[in-house]
Amino acid sequence: MTTATAFDVATVRQDFPILHQSVHGHPLVYLDNAASSQKPRAVIDAIVRLYTSDYSNIHRGVHSLSERSTRHYEETRVKIQRLINAGHSREIIFVSGTTGAINLVAQTYGRKHIKAGDNILITELEHHSNIVPWQMLCEATGATLQVAPIDDNGDLRMHEFERRLNARTRLVAVAHVSNVLGTILPIKEIAALTHAAGARLLVDGAQAVPHMKLDVQDLDADFYAFSSHKIYGPTGLGVLYGKTALLNEMPPYQGGGDMIESVTFDKTTYNVLPYKFEAGTPDIAGVIGLGAAIDYVNELGIETIGAYENDLLKYATHALESEPGIRVIGTSKHKAGAISFVVDGVHPHDVGRGGRVAEHRRGRVGVPERAQPVGDERCEQEHRDRHRDDAQRTADVPPCRPAAPPEARLRFVP
């Protein structure tokens, strides 16, 4: 296992079994980390060990296997508490992913506190999972969804954000890091403005947790959500952090086993935090795998990872900008390791398909689609060079699909 004191990217790559293969005659280079990360051997081994040595259901058995599984499961909750510096492990709720966490808040806190005439404030940088749940809540309650714009660099226009924040704002929901442009939002400043207006703040941290050291208490976020699979853990699992006082007064999201204290045909008494939001048998293997992923990140050192990725981002941005016909989209001075770009005269499908998760932002930056490599600490400069060279070679051949109109690819929309 690689340590933070000697960060060797070649050795880190050896920790990921899936990278031990060639594609098209070259070692596999994976630049789709904004969508999902690959898994280190430590995570795979932890899941195999559970199923071969320790597996049982949790919280309800008194035999050895159940006690071991429960202990490993709850140890992960404490690891997450420490990873994001939550005040207590009861503030860590296991959910299906960032999407599940946001929907939980929308359907519990939102349904209870947001009424007709109120508004919810988001930004143009949001992922679909931080747009659609609020649209649905607004449709159900008669509230209004407000959207704060970004500037041509991909930064949030703070004066426009403040202008939309008013006495009828009940909730602000923002990304910590944009999954497309890589922009890092000033969460502490947003939290201060939000609370001064009497509203609550939810932060989508899916793209932040794998790249930077976090302190949710210092950020003063009321809710913070992230996904396991973005930080090298299994899919289908995520985390919702919430302040204890808010979680206590929110109603349960789903009913079933484990979220109850007692049940009769006349009345049900709900369990304490965090269990009242965790109905049914959970993803035990996923949670234990996430615990192993956090151990792996801690061993490498999250700040060491972030520093290496920042160097790689600078190198890749300079390399792309130095090539004629390639334009980088999103030039904020505060970015994490995501780069979106267009190649003049070439449809993005011929460079690397751009996904639907960004379609609401393509009009804002003046492009119908874009290519987006997102690296992490496993990527080397030579891999970025190869991606850049492939993009340049693609620009020298006729596209197999119609190119977008030049004006749509080459300018920002005011």
Protein backbone atom coordinates (compact mmCIF):
# COMPACT_ATOMS: atom_id res chain seq x y z
CA MET A 1 0.00 0.00 0.00
CA THR A 2 1.28 3.45 -0.89
CA THR A 3 1.77 5.98 1.89
CA ALA A 4 1.33 9.73 1.90
CA THR A 5 5.02 10.26 2.72
CA ALA A 6 6.11 8.92 -0.68
CA PHE A 7 3.33 9.54 -3.16
CA ASP A 8 4.21 7.41 -6.16
CA VAL A 9 1.44 7.42 -8.75
CA ALA A 10 2.80 4.32 -10.49
CA THR A 11 2.56 2.39 -7.23
CA VAL A 12 -0.92 3.78 -6.58
CA ARG A 13 -2.03 2.44 -9.96
CA GLN A 14 -0.92 -1.01 -8.84
CA ASP A 15 -3.48 -0.80 -6.02
CA PHE A 16 -6.31 -0.83 -8.62
CA PRO A 17 -6.73 -4.27 -10.26
CA ILE A 18 -8.86 -2.94 -13.13
CA LEU A 19 -5.95 -0.80 -14.34
CA HIS A 20 -3.81 -3.90 -14.92
CA GLN A 21 -4.98 -4.18 -18.53
CA SER A 22 -4.43 -2.64 -21.93
CA VAL A 23 -7.05 -1.04 -24.15
CA HIS A 24 -6.29 -0.38 -27.84
CA GLY A 25 -2.69 -1.37 -27.20
CA HIS A 26 -2.10 1.05 -24.32
CA PRO A 27 -2.31 0.74 -20.52
CA LEU A 28 -5.85 1.58 -19.45
CA VAL A 29 -6.25 5.25 -18.57
CA TYR A 30 -9.46 6.07 -16.71
CA LEU A 31 -10.58 9.70 -16.83
CA ASP A 32 -14.26 9.30 -15.96
CA ASN A 33 -13.98 9.83 -12.21
CA ALA A 34 -16.69 12.49 -12.13
CA ALA A 35 -19.10 9.68 -13.04
CA SER A 36 -17.59 6.99 -10.80
CA SER A 37 -14.20 5.96 -9.46
CA GLN A 38 -12.50 2.60 -9.74
CA LYS A 39 -11.95 0.43 -6.65
CA PRO A 40 -8.64 -0.35 -4.94
CA ARG A 41 -7.78 -3.88 -3.92
CA ALA A 42 -8.33 -2.94 -0.26
CA VAL A 43 -12.03 -2.27 -0.92
CA ILE A 44 -12.50 -5.44 -2.96
CA ASP A 45 -10.75 -7.52 -0.30
CA ALA A 46 -12.87 -6.04 2.51
CA ILE A 47 -16.08 -7.04 0.73
CA VAL A 48 -14.79 -10.54 -0.04
CA ARG A 49 -13.66 -10.94 3.58
CA LEU A 50 -17.11 -9.97 4.83
CA TYR A 51 -18.87 -12.54 2.66
CA THR A 52 -16.33 -15.30 3.33
CA SER A 53 -15.77 -14.76 7.07
CA ASP A 54 -18.10 -12.34 8.83
CA TYR A 55 -21.41 -11.90 7.02
CA SER A 56 -24.71 -11.74 8.88
CA ASN A 57 -27.52 -9.25 9.27
CA ILE A 58 -26.79 -6.42 11.68
CA HIS A 59 -28.35 -4.83 14.76
CA ARG A 60 -30.63 -7.79 15.46
CA GLY A 61 -28.53 -10.86 16.16
CA VAL A 62 -26.60 -11.89 19.30
CA HIS A 63 -24.38 -14.49 17.65
CA SER A 64 -20.74 -13.93 16.68
CA LEU A 65 -21.24 -13.26 12.97
CA SER A 66 -23.92 -10.65 13.60
CA GLU A 67 -21.82 -8.97 16.26
CA ARG A 68 -18.80 -8.83 13.93
CA SER A 69 -20.80 -7.49 10.99
CA THR A 70 -22.49 -4.91 13.20
CA ARG A 71 -19.18 -3.76 14.63
CA HIS A 72 -17.57 -3.32 11.20
CA TYR A 73 -20.69 -1.54 9.91
CA GLU A 74 -20.80 0.94 12.78
CA GLU A 75 -17.04 1.49 12.64
CA THR A 76 -17.57 2.92 9.16
CA ARG A 77 -20.04 5.44 10.54
CA VAL A 78 -17.35 6.67 12.94
CA LYS A 79 -14.79 6.79 10.11
CA ILE A 80 -17.13 9.02 8.12
CA GLN A 81 -17.73 11.24 11.14
CA ARG A 82 -13.98 11.75 11.42
CA LEU A 83 -13.49 12.16 7.67
CA ILE A 84 -15.86 15.15 7.49
CA ASN A 85 -15.52 16.21 11.16
CA ALA A 86 -19.17 15.80 12.08
CA GLY A 87 -20.03 16.50 15.70
CA HIS A 88 -21.29 12.97 16.40
CA SER A 89 -21.65 9.66 14.57
CA ARG A 90 -25.45 9.85 15.00
CA GLU A 91 -25.37 12.68 12.43
CA ILE A 92 -24.22 10.22 9.74
CA ILE A 93 -27.13 8.64 7.84
CA PHE A 94 -26.55 5.85 5.30
CA VAL A 95 -28.59 6.30 2.13
CA SER A 96 -28.51 5.04 -1.47
CA GLY A 97 -26.28 7.86 -2.72
CA THR A 98 -26.09 11.64 -3.01
CA THR A 99 -29.37 11.53 -4.93
CA GLY A 100 -31.00 9.55 -2.11
CA ALA A 101 -29.68 11.97 0.49
CA ILE A 102 -31.06 15.03 -1.31
CA ASN A 103 -34.43 13.36 -1.82
CA LEU A 104 -34.55 12.43 1.87
CA VAL A 105 -34.11 16.09 2.85
CA ALA A 106 -36.63 17.23 0.23
CA GLN A 107 -39.30 14.78 1.38
CA THR A 108 -38.78 15.22 5.13
CA TYR A 109 -37.42 18.65 5.98
CA GLY A 110 -38.81 20.14 2.77
CA ARG A 111 -42.34 18.78 3.06
CA LYS A 112 -42.52 19.95 6.68
CA HIS A 113 -41.13 23.46 6.27
CA ILE A 114 -41.68 24.64 2.68
CA LYS A 115 -45.08 26.02 1.70
CA ALA A 116 -46.74 27.91 -1.13
CA GLY A 117 -45.09 31.29 -1.64
CA ASP A 118 -41.72 30.13 -0.29
CA ASN A 119 -38.68 29.66 -2.50
CA ILE A 120 -35.72 27.31 -2.82
CA LEU A 121 -32.44 28.69 -4.16
CA ILE A 122 -29.96 26.67 -6.26
CA THR A 123 -27.28 27.61 -8.83
CA GLU A 124 -26.55 27.00 -12.50
CA LEU A 125 -23.73 24.66 -11.43
CA GLU A 126 -25.99 21.96 -10.01
CA HIS A 127 -26.16 18.29 -10.96
CA HIS A 128 -29.60 16.93 -11.91
CA SER A 129 -29.87 15.31 -8.48
CA ASN A 130 -29.77 18.79 -6.93
CA ILE A 131 -32.35 20.20 -9.33
CA VAL A 132 -35.11 17.65 -9.92
CA PRO A 133 -35.98 16.88 -6.26
CA TRP A 134 -36.52 20.59 -5.64
CA GLN A 135 -38.61 20.96 -8.79
CA MET A 136 -40.77 18.09 -7.57
CA LEU A 137 -41.07 19.65 -4.12
CA CYS A 138 -42.05 23.00 -5.64
CA GLU A 139 -44.71 21.31 -7.77
CA ALA A 140 -46.12 19.61 -4.67
CA THR A 141 -46.07 22.65 -2.38
CA GLY A 142 -46.50 25.68 -4.62
CA ALA A 143 -43.02 26.99 -3.77
CA THR A 144 -40.75 28.61 -6.38
CA LEU A 145 -37.33 27.42 -7.52
CA GLN A 146 -34.81 30.26 -7.91
CA VAL A 147 -31.55 29.77 -9.85
CA ALA A 148 -28.45 31.91 -9.25
CA PRO A 149 -26.32 32.37 -12.41
CA ILE A 150 -22.62 31.83 -13.05
CA ASP A 151 -20.19 34.07 -14.93
CA ASP A 152 -18.12 33.29 -18.01
CA ASN A 153 -15.35 31.72 -15.90
CA GLY A 154 -17.79 29.32 -14.27
CA ASP A 155 -17.88 31.14 -10.92
CA LEU A 156 -21.07 31.81 -9.03
CA ARG A 157 -22.20 35.44 -9.33
CA MET A 158 -22.39 36.13 -5.63
CA HIS A 159 -24.25 39.44 -5.96
CA GLU A 160 -26.94 37.66 -8.00
CA PHE A 161 -27.04 34.88 -5.43
CA GLU A 162 -27.57 37.42 -2.64
CA ARG A 163 -30.23 39.24 -4.68
CA ARG A 164 -32.27 36.02 -4.94
CA LEU A 165 -31.85 35.19 -1.26
CA ASN A 166 -34.74 36.78 0.64
CA ALA A 167 -37.15 36.41 3.54
CA ARG A 168 -39.18 33.77 1.66
CA THR A 169 -36.14 31.55 1.01
CA ARG A 170 -36.45 28.42 3.12
CA LEU A 171 -33.64 26.29 1.69
CA VAL A 172 -30.44 26.82 -0.32
CA ALA A 173 -29.00 23.77 -2.11
CA VAL A 174 -25.60 24.07 -3.81
CA ALA A 175 -22.77 21.90 -5.08
CA HIS A 176 -19.48 22.14 -3.21
CA VAL A 177 -17.63 21.32 -6.44
CA SER A 178 -19.16 21.42 -9.93
CA ASN A 179 -19.14 18.00 -11.58
CA VAL A 180 -18.63 19.64 -15.01
CA LEU A 181 -16.51 22.76 -14.59
CA GLY A 182 -14.71 21.79 -11.38
CA THR A 183 -15.57 25.14 -9.78
CA ILE A 184 -15.22 25.12 -5.98
CA LEU A 185 -17.98 27.19 -4.39
CA PRO A 186 -17.35 29.38 -1.30
CA ILE A 187 -19.48 27.30 1.03
CA LYS A 188 -18.63 29.16 4.26
CA GLU A 189 -19.67 32.46 2.69
CA ILE A 190 -22.83 30.90 1.27
CA ALA A 191 -23.64 29.36 4.66
CA ALA A 192 -23.28 32.71 6.43
CA LEU A 193 -25.56 34.45 3.90
CA THR A 194 -28.08 31.60 4.03
CA HIS A 195 -28.34 31.58 7.80
CA ALA A 196 -28.53 35.36 7.97
CA ALA A 197 -31.63 35.08 5.78
CA GLY A 198 -33.12 32.47 8.14
CA ALA A 199 -32.79 29.59 5.65
CA ARG A 200 -31.08 26.20 5.78
CA LEU A 201 -28.18 25.03 3.60
CA LEU A 202 -27.77 21.67 1.88
CA VAL A 203 -24.43 20.98 0.17
CA ASP A 204 -23.95 18.39 -2.57
CA GLY A 205 -20.45 17.19 -1.76
CA ALA A 206 -20.24 14.30 -4.22
CA GLN A 207 -17.33 15.87 -6.12
CA ALA A 208 -15.65 17.41 -3.07
CA VAL A 209 -15.18 14.52 -0.65
CA PRO A 210 -12.69 12.60 -2.87
CA HIS A 211 -10.49 15.66 -3.42
CA MET A 212 -10.22 17.83 -0.32
CA LYS A 213 -10.13 17.84 3.46
CA LEU A 214 -13.58 18.63 4.87
CA ASP A 215 -14.93 20.06 8.10
CA VAL A 216 -18.72 20.29 8.00
CA GLN A 217 -18.80 22.07 11.35
CA ASP A 218 -16.45 24.76 10.10
CA LEU A 219 -18.41 25.06 6.84
CA ASP A 220 -21.60 25.32 8.95
CA ALA A 221 -23.61 23.27 6.44
CA ASP A 222 -26.96 22.10 7.81
CA PHE A 223 -26.92 19.07 5.49
CA TYR A 224 -24.04 17.59 3.50
CA ALA A 225 -24.41 14.71 1.02
CA PHE A 226 -21.93 12.51 -0.82
CA SER A 227 -21.64 9.15 -2.58
CA SER A 228 -19.51 6.13 -1.76
CA HIS A 229 -18.62 5.33 -5.37
CA LYS A 230 -16.95 8.72 -5.94
CA ILE A 231 -14.44 8.05 -3.15
CA TYR A 232 -13.45 4.52 -4.28
CA GLY A 233 -16.22 2.74 -2.39
CA PRO A 234 -19.06 0.55 -3.73
CA THR A 235 -21.99 1.85 -5.74
CA GLY A 236 -25.55 2.21 -4.46
CA LEU A 237 -24.47 3.80 -1.19
CA GLY A 238 -24.18 7.36 0.07
CA VAL A 239 -24.09 9.49 3.18
CA LEU A 240 -26.25 12.28 4.50
CA TYR A 241 -24.81 14.41 7.27
CA GLY A 242 -27.29 16.56 9.15
CA LYS A 243 -27.13 18.64 12.29
CA THR A 244 -28.61 16.70 15.20
CA ALA A 245 -31.32 19.23 16.03
CA LEU A 246 -32.60 19.24 12.44
CA LEU A 247 -32.54 15.45 12.07
CA ASN A 248 -34.37 14.99 15.37
CA GLU A 249 -37.30 17.14 14.30
CA MET A 250 -37.57 15.64 10.80
CA PRO A 251 -40.08 12.80 10.29
CA PRO A 252 -38.87 9.39 9.07
CA TYR A 253 -38.45 9.02 5.31
CA GLN A 254 -39.37 5.32 5.02
CA GLY A 255 -40.99 2.80 7.33
CA GLY A 256 -39.81 -0.73 8.09
CA GLY A 257 -37.45 -2.73 10.22
CA ASP A 258 -34.62 -1.13 12.23
CA MET A 259 -36.13 2.37 12.10
CA ILE A 260 -38.58 1.43 14.84
CA GLU A 261 -38.27 1.16 18.60
CA SER A 262 -41.60 -0.62 19.14
CA VAL A 263 -44.54 -1.61 16.94
CA THR A 264 -48.13 -2.47 17.78
CA PHE A 265 -51.18 -2.44 15.54
CA ASP A 266 -52.21 0.77 17.27
CA LYS A 267 -48.94 2.74 17.32
CA THR A 268 -45.30 2.71 16.25
CA THR A 269 -42.51 4.41 18.17
CA TYR A 270 -39.57 5.42 16.00
CA ASN A 271 -35.93 4.66 16.71
CA VAL A 272 -33.32 7.24 17.69
CA LEU A 273 -30.78 8.80 15.33
CA PRO A 274 -29.38 7.70 13.01
CA TYR A 275 -31.53 4.59 12.72
CA LYS A 276 -34.91 6.27 12.25
CA PHE A 277 -33.79 7.14 8.70
CA GLU A 278 -32.38 3.67 7.89
CA ALA A 279 -35.35 1.39 7.29
CA GLY A 280 -34.80 -2.27 6.40
CA THR A 281 -31.68 -4.35 5.95
CA PRO A 282 -29.01 -1.94 4.68
CA ASP A 283 -26.18 -2.38 2.20
CA ILE A 284 -23.92 -4.01 4.77
CA ALA A 285 -21.17 -4.96 2.32
CA GLY A 286 -21.29 -1.51 0.72
CA VAL A 287 -20.87 0.24 4.06
CA ILE A 288 -17.96 -1.97 5.07
CA GLY A 289 -16.40 -1.45 1.62
CA LEU A 290 -16.75 2.31 2.09
CA GLY A 291 -14.96 1.98 5.42
CA ALA A 292 -12.05 0.31 3.63
CA ALA A 293 -12.07 3.07 0.99
CA ILE A 294 -11.81 5.72 3.70
CA ASP A 295 -8.92 3.83 5.30
CA TYR A 296 -7.23 3.77 1.88
CA VAL A 297 -7.70 7.51 1.34
CA ASN A 298 -6.47 8.26 4.86
CA GLU A 299 -3.36 6.18 4.27
CA LEU A 300 -2.57 8.07 1.08
CA GLY A 301 -3.52 11.37 2.73
CA ILE A 302 -6.41 13.43 1.36
CA GLU A 303 -4.31 16.59 1.30
CA THR A 304 -1.54 14.77 -0.56
CA ILE A 305 -4.10 13.49 -3.06
CA GLY A 306 -5.51 16.99 -3.49
CA ALA A 307 -2.09 18.56 -4.02
CA TYR A 308 -1.13 16.00 -6.65
CA GLU A 309 -4.45 16.41 -8.46
CA ASN A 310 -4.05 20.19 -8.42
CA ASP A 311 -0.63 19.88 -10.08
CA LEU A 312 -2.12 17.48 -12.64
CA LEU A 313 -5.00 19.89 -13.29
CA LYS A 314 -2.61 22.78 -13.96
CA TYR A 315 -0.49 20.64 -16.25
CA ALA A 316 -3.47 19.29 -18.20
CA THR A 317 -5.08 22.72 -18.53
CA HIS A 318 -1.87 24.25 -19.89
CA ALA A 319 -1.36 21.32 -22.27
CA LEU A 320 -4.88 21.58 -23.67
CA GLU A 321 -4.80 25.37 -23.95
CA SER A 322 -1.51 25.20 -25.86
CA GLU A 323 -3.08 23.10 -28.62
CA PRO A 324 -4.72 24.99 -31.52
CA GLY A 325 -8.43 24.31 -31.88
CA ILE A 326 -8.99 23.15 -28.28
CA ARG A 327 -10.87 25.41 -25.85
CA VAL A 328 -11.18 24.70 -22.13
CA ILE A 329 -14.60 25.42 -20.61
CA GLY A 330 -14.57 26.69 -17.04
CA THR A 331 -11.58 28.78 -16.00
CA SER A 332 -12.31 29.56 -12.36
CA LYS A 333 -9.26 30.22 -10.20
CA HIS A 334 -10.82 27.90 -7.61
CA LYS A 335 -11.14 24.46 -9.21
CA ALA A 336 -10.90 20.79 -8.42
CA GLY A 337 -9.69 18.20 -10.95
CA ALA A 338 -12.34 18.36 -13.67
CA ILE A 339 -11.72 19.75 -17.17
CA SER A 340 -14.35 20.26 -19.85
CA PHE A 341 -13.25 21.26 -23.35
CA VAL A 342 -14.32 21.45 -26.99
CA VAL A 343 -12.30 20.65 -30.10
CA ASP A 344 -12.91 23.03 -32.98
CA GLY A 345 -14.82 21.37 -35.80
CA VAL A 346 -15.13 18.00 -34.08
CA HIS A 347 -18.23 16.64 -32.38
CA PRO A 348 -17.50 15.62 -28.76
CA HIS A 349 -18.68 12.07 -29.51
CA ASP A 350 -15.52 11.70 -31.59
CA VAL A 351 -13.33 12.77 -28.67
CA GLY A 352 -15.21 11.30 -25.74
CA ARG A 353 -18.95 11.32 -25.32
CA GLY A 354 -20.38 14.05 -23.09
CA GLY A 355 -23.20 12.87 -20.84
CA ARG A 356 -26.74 14.13 -20.22
CA VAL A 357 -25.90 15.08 -16.66
CA ALA A 358 -24.67 18.46 -17.95
CA GLU A 359 -27.23 19.25 -20.62
CA HIS A 360 -28.83 22.12 -18.65
CA ARG A 361 -25.43 23.89 -18.52
CA ARG A 362 -24.31 23.41 -22.13
CA GLY A 363 -26.51 26.27 -23.30
CA ARG A 364 -25.03 28.54 -20.63
CA VAL A 365 -21.47 28.07 -21.86
CA GLY A 366 -22.41 28.05 -25.54
CA VAL A 367 -21.72 24.42 -26.43
CA PRO A 368 -24.16 21.59 -27.23
CA GLU A 369 -21.88 18.93 -25.73
CA ARG A 370 -18.33 18.69 -24.43
CA ALA A 371 -15.61 16.19 -23.66
CA GLN A 372 -14.69 15.90 -20.00
CA PRO A 373 -11.70 14.00 -18.65
CA VAL A 374 -11.64 13.86 -14.86
CA GLY A 375 -8.52 12.43 -13.29
CA ASP A 376 -7.48 11.55 -9.79
CA GLU A 377 -4.31 10.51 -8.01
CA ARG A 378 -3.95 7.40 -10.21
CA CYS A 379 -3.40 9.47 -13.40
CA GLU A 380 0.03 10.47 -14.60
CA GLN A 381 1.05 13.40 -16.79
CA GLU A 382 1.81 11.04 -19.67
CA HIS A 383 -1.81 9.83 -19.53
CA ARG A 384 -3.07 13.40 -19.81
CA ASP A 385 -0.63 13.93 -22.68
CA ARG A 386 -2.02 10.91 -24.46
CA HIS A 387 -5.59 12.19 -24.02
CA ARG A 388 -4.54 15.60 -25.36
CA ASP A 389 -2.72 14.04 -28.32
CA ASP A 390 -5.72 11.85 -29.10
CA ALA A 391 -7.94 14.93 -29.06
CA GLN A 392 -5.59 16.76 -31.40
CA ARG A 393 -5.36 13.81 -33.79
CA THR A 394 -9.15 13.62 -33.80
CA ALA A 395 -9.25 17.26 -34.92
CA ASP A 396 -7.25 16.32 -38.03
CA VAL A 397 -9.80 13.86 -39.39
CA PRO A 398 -13.36 14.44 -40.62
CA PRO A 399 -15.92 13.89 -37.86
CA CYS A 400 -18.28 10.95 -38.27
CA ARG A 401 -21.11 13.10 -36.87
CA PRO A 402 -22.07 16.67 -37.79
CA ALA A 403 -20.07 19.29 -35.91
CA ALA A 404 -21.89 21.89 -33.87
CA PRO A 405 -22.23 25.39 -35.34
CA PRO A 406 -18.94 27.30 -34.73
CA GLU A 407 -20.65 30.11 -32.83
CA ALA A 408 -22.22 27.57 -30.46
CA ARG A 409 -18.84 26.10 -29.63
CA LEU A 410 -16.66 29.17 -29.48
CA ARG A 411 -18.43 31.74 -27.34
CA PHE A 412 -20.05 32.10 -23.97
CA VAL A 413 -23.66 33.17 -23.90
CA PRO A 414 -24.07 36.48 -21.99
